[in-house]
Structures are given as C-alpha cells and as structure tokens.
C-alpha cells in the first residue's frame, strides 16, 4: 500500500465510520414482518435473543468506530492523529462484535441462529453475575445491574425451554471460548483463513497493555545521534490502514446478513 493510498484509506475511514455510527444511532432497531429475524424472535419467545443481542453488538461496533474517528480526526488537511496503543484497543471490540454478529447470523436455520445468540447471551449473563457479586463483596452493590442480569437470566431460561433444552443445564454449561468464534467465522472472510485471528490477536495484545509485545507493531526509528541509544516508536500507518480495510470487509458481510434476514432501523 502506497503512502497516498494509506492516507486515503485512513481519511476515508474517519468519515465513513462517522456516517455509519450516525446511521446506527439515529434509529430504533426492529425486525421486518415475515422475515427470518422475526422467525428467530418467535422461536426464542422474546425480543432479547437474538434480536437485542445482535442489535447490541452492532451498537458496540458503531460506538467504537465513532470513537476512533473522533480520536484520529485532525483540523489540519492531510493529517491524522494515529496512536500506537489506543487505536488498536478501540478496534478490538469492533472485531469481536462483528465476528459474533456474523457467527450468529451465519447459522443455517432458525434454531442454530437462536442457539448461537443464546451462547453469546450466556457469556454476558455469567460475567454479569461475577460483576454483581464482586460489587456486593466490595459493599457497593449495583441494584440496577443486578435487575438487568436477573432479567437476562429469565430470557435465557425461556429461550432454552423453547429450544427443547433444560434451562438449568444451559445456564450451568461451560461457556464457549469467544476466541474460538473468531476461528469459526474465518472461512466467511475472503483471504487467508487466519487473517481474522491475526488481527484479533494484535488488538488484544494492545487492549491488555502488553507494551513490550506491541512494540513490534510500531515503526522503530533509531535516533539521529547513535550515541544516544534507544529508539523512537511511532504508529504503523499501513498496519492500521490494513486493519481498517479488514474491519470494512467484516462490516460488509455483517450488514449484508442483517439486511437479508430482516433487521431494520426505524427512524
């Protein structure tokens, strides 16, 4: 990728992500009558699984790409503000959210899509219980969060029953490893099959503050005076541009699936 096309990719992403986020945040998520999404909702017996789970993941993606666009934007023409750590950290939940949306909607029939959404909801429910328990132990209980997690538990039980499973067995079963979902949808993305997992690993290292590990994803420049020692590390524009193009590929796949299955935004 040449320097000019790299700048065009990054600049275009700022405006494109702003427009995408504005579109997502300007409407109420709903499902089209007679659509696959409505069929899935009817099977689940509630509007949470898979509808609210899918909608929440899309909103998460919109929030984070919007945040990156504001962080990267600059009042100067042909100048962007890139960051060696923060940019990748913002893109980690984007990758995870899109991967999970694609995985859910890529199910071959209504039961498989609902079961996949149920898996994502179980992860949130289990971590929600850990959070509320930790807050109680710290003597800072959060009643609203506890109410929300309890409600999610009820929806999980309803959906499990509708799928013919024992609700308590579903709630207590081991959770799926989110990173395995990244591997599962790799075949849906054009190019090398490990591409999805590669970018997920890079962004995860940054999100966990693994500073030494992440230095290899930056441009290393020795100082002008060799006697000074050390090196200057700067953001790798081409790597960030490549990552953004990959996010664009995932977005296109996810949006096509959402449209095909009847997910809509009501203004």
Foldseek 3Di string as FASTA:
>chain_A
DDPVVLLVLVVVLLVVLQVLLCVLVVFDKDFDPPFQLVVLCVLLVHCVQPNVVLSVLSNLLSVLSNVLSVQFDDPDPSGTDDDLQPLLLSCLSLLLSLLLLLLLLVDPHSLSSRVSSLLVLLVVLVVLVVVQVVCVVVVNHDVVSVVVSVVSLVSSCSRCVSSVHHSVCSNPDDHDDSLVSQLVCLVVFPDDSCPSVVSNVLSVCSNVVVPVVSQVQWDWADDPDPVVDDTDTHHDSVVSSVSSVSSVRSVVSSVVSCVNRGIDTHD
